[in-house]
């Protein structure tokens, strides 16, 4: 089959078929599906996502923003409480 014949069958411009064949452009999904049907080949493959990394189940010793907020809230409470002991 010539490029002209293929272009007519997939209802696309000859220049697009030429660019795809030369590797200068990739077909969009619609054209790829049409080419698959006309040429009876497989161009599109399903995407597979890499497995998600496993999260550590051991507690971390790092300080989080929540820890800082709790510490600051406790410090504010201690400084505003006249009965609190200062060290």
C-alpha atoms as a PDB file:
ATOM      1  CA  UNK A   1       0.000   0.000   0.000  1.00  0.00           C
ATOM      2  CA  UNK A   2       1.356   3.423  -0.884  1.00  0.00           C
ATOM      3  CA  UNK A   3       1.378   6.409   1.400  1.00  0.00           C
ATOM      4  CA  UNK A   4      -1.243   8.045  -0.791  1.00  0.00           C
ATOM      5  CA  UNK A   5      -3.554   5.028  -0.473  1.00  0.00           C
ATOM      6  CA  UNK A   6      -3.075   4.917   3.291  1.00  0.00           C
ATOM      7  CA  UNK A   7      -3.757   8.639   3.591  1.00  0.00           C
ATOM      8  CA  UNK A   8      -7.003   8.230   1.665  1.00  0.00           C
ATOM      9  CA  UNK A   9      -8.114   5.228   3.757  1.00  0.00           C
ATOM     10  CA  UNK A  10      -7.503   6.984   7.077  1.00  0.00           C
ATOM     11  CA  UNK A  11      -8.822  10.316   5.708  1.00  0.00           C
ATOM     12  CA  UNK A  12      -5.644  12.174   6.543  1.00  0.00           C
ATOM     13  CA  UNK A  13      -3.282  14.400   4.542  1.00  0.00           C
ATOM     14  CA  UNK A  14      -0.386  12.710   2.780  1.00  0.00           C
ATOM     15  CA  UNK A  15       2.094  15.015   4.539  1.00  0.00           C
ATOM     16  CA  UNK A  16       0.918  13.738   7.938  1.00  0.00           C
ATOM     17  CA  UNK A  17       1.420  10.117   6.887  1.00  0.00           C
ATOM     18  CA  UNK A  18       4.879  10.989   5.554  1.00  0.00           C
ATOM     19  CA  UNK A  19       5.882  12.748   8.787  1.00  0.00           C
ATOM     20  CA  UNK A  20       4.696   9.787  10.861  1.00  0.00           C
ATOM     21  CA  UNK A  21       6.610   7.332   8.680  1.00  0.00           C
ATOM     22  CA  UNK A  22       9.775   9.427   8.892  1.00  0.00           C
ATOM     23  CA  UNK A  23       9.451   9.637  12.678  1.00  0.00           C
ATOM     24  CA  UNK A  24       9.074  13.404  12.656  1.00  0.00           C
ATOM     25  CA  UNK A  25       5.747  13.223  14.471  1.00  0.00           C
ATOM     26  CA  UNK A  26       3.628  10.746  16.366  1.00  0.00           C
ATOM     27  CA  UNK A  27      -0.025  10.199  15.513  1.00  0.00           C
ATOM     28  CA  UNK A  28      -2.645  11.369  17.959  1.00  0.00           C
ATOM     29  CA  UNK A  29      -4.804   8.728  19.637  1.00  0.00           C
ATOM     30  CA  UNK A  30      -7.628   9.067  17.096  1.00  0.00           C
ATOM     31  CA  UNK A  31      -5.302   8.583  14.121  1.00  0.00           C
ATOM     32  CA  UNK A  32      -3.417   5.768  15.866  1.00  0.00           C
ATOM     33  CA  UNK A  33      -6.694   3.889  16.395  1.00  0.00           C
ATOM     34  CA  UNK A  34      -7.641   4.432  12.756  1.00  0.00           C
ATOM     35  CA  UNK A  35      -4.226   3.218  11.591  1.00  0.00           C
ATOM     36  CA  UNK A  36      -4.571   0.147  13.822  1.00  0.00           C
ATOM     37  CA  UNK A  37      -7.884  -0.684  12.186  1.00  0.00           C
ATOM     38  CA  UNK A  38      -6.771  -0.082   8.582  1.00  0.00           C
ATOM     39  CA  UNK A  39      -3.355  -1.743   8.887  1.00  0.00           C
ATOM     40  CA  UNK A  40      -4.515  -4.468  11.296  1.00  0.00           C
ATOM     41  CA  UNK A  41      -1.644  -3.792  13.673  1.00  0.00           C
ATOM     42  CA  UNK A  42      -1.345  -2.786  17.318  1.00  0.00           C
ATOM     43  CA  UNK A  43       0.059   0.694  17.958  1.00  0.00           C
ATOM     44  CA  UNK A  44      -1.436   1.612  21.305  1.00  0.00           C
ATOM     45  CA  UNK A  45      -0.580  -0.294  24.451  1.00  0.00           C
ATOM     46  CA  UNK A  46      -2.306   0.123  27.796  1.00  0.00           C
ATOM     47  CA  UNK A  47      -0.324   2.128  30.291  1.00  0.00           C
ATOM     48  CA  UNK A  48       0.709   0.436  33.469  1.00  0.00           C
ATOM     49  CA  UNK A  49       1.533   2.351  36.586  1.00  0.00           C
ATOM     50  CA  UNK A  50       4.600   1.376  38.578  1.00  0.00           C
ATOM     51  CA  UNK A  51       3.773  -0.131  41.945  1.00  0.00           C
ATOM     52  CA  UNK A  52       3.461   2.410  44.719  1.00  0.00           C
ATOM     53  CA  UNK A  53       6.338   2.393  47.180  1.00  0.00           C
ATOM     54  CA  UNK A  54       5.501   0.738  50.468  1.00  0.00           C
ATOM     55  CA  UNK A  55       5.224   3.096  53.373  1.00  0.00           C
ATOM     56  CA  UNK A  56       7.232   2.395  56.456  1.00  0.00           C
ATOM     57  CA  UNK A  57       5.154   1.053  59.330  1.00  0.00           C
ATOM     58  CA  UNK A  58       7.704   2.071  61.952  1.00  0.00           C
ATOM     59  CA  UNK A  59       7.035   5.399  63.626  1.00  0.00           C
ATOM     60  CA  UNK A  60       9.372   8.196  62.670  1.00  0.00           C
ATOM     61  CA  UNK A  61      11.347  10.239  65.181  1.00  0.00           C
ATOM     62  CA  UNK A  62      11.090  13.387  63.069  1.00  0.00           C
ATOM     63  CA  UNK A  63       9.176  16.410  64.291  1.00  0.00           C
ATOM     64  CA  UNK A  64       6.072  17.232  62.256  1.00  0.00           C
ATOM     65  CA  UNK A  65       4.171  20.495  61.852  1.00  0.00           C
ATOM     66  CA  UNK A  66       1.497  19.117  64.169  1.00  0.00           C
ATOM     67  CA  UNK A  67       4.144  18.539  66.848  1.00  0.00           C
ATOM     68  CA  UNK A  68       5.334  22.136  66.534  1.00  0.00           C
ATOM     69  CA  UNK A  69       1.796  23.476  66.751  1.00  0.00           C
ATOM     70  CA  UNK A  70       1.169  21.394  69.864  1.00  0.00           C
ATOM     71  CA  UNK A  71       4.415  22.560  71.476  1.00  0.00           C
ATOM     72  CA  UNK A  72       3.678  26.222  70.705  1.00  0.00           C
ATOM     73  CA  UNK A  73       0.126  25.911  71.960  1.00  0.00           C
ATOM     74  CA  UNK A  74       1.393  24.352  75.201  1.00  0.00           C
ATOM     75  CA  UNK A  75       4.020  27.115  75.602  1.00  0.00           C
ATOM     76  CA  UNK A  76       1.369  29.819  75.102  1.00  0.00           C
ATOM     77  CA  UNK A  77      -0.867  28.145  77.668  1.00  0.00           C
ATOM     78  CA  UNK A  78       2.001  27.944  80.176  1.00  0.00           C
ATOM     79  CA  UNK A  79       2.960  31.616  79.758  1.00  0.00           C
ATOM     80  CA  UNK A  80      -0.648  32.804  80.140  1.00  0.00           C
ATOM     81  CA  UNK A  81      -1.370  30.600  83.196  1.00  0.00           C
ATOM     82  CA  UNK A  82      -0.271  32.476  86.348  1.00  0.00           C
ATOM     83  CA  UNK A  83      -0.242  29.226  88.341  1.00  0.00           C
ATOM     84  CA  UNK A  84       2.170  27.500  85.934  1.00  0.00           C
ATOM     85  CA  UNK A  85       5.663  26.875  87.210  1.00  0.00           C
ATOM     86  CA  UNK A  86       8.531  28.326  85.237  1.00  0.00           C
ATOM     87  CA  UNK A  87      11.789  26.457  84.964  1.00  0.00           C
END
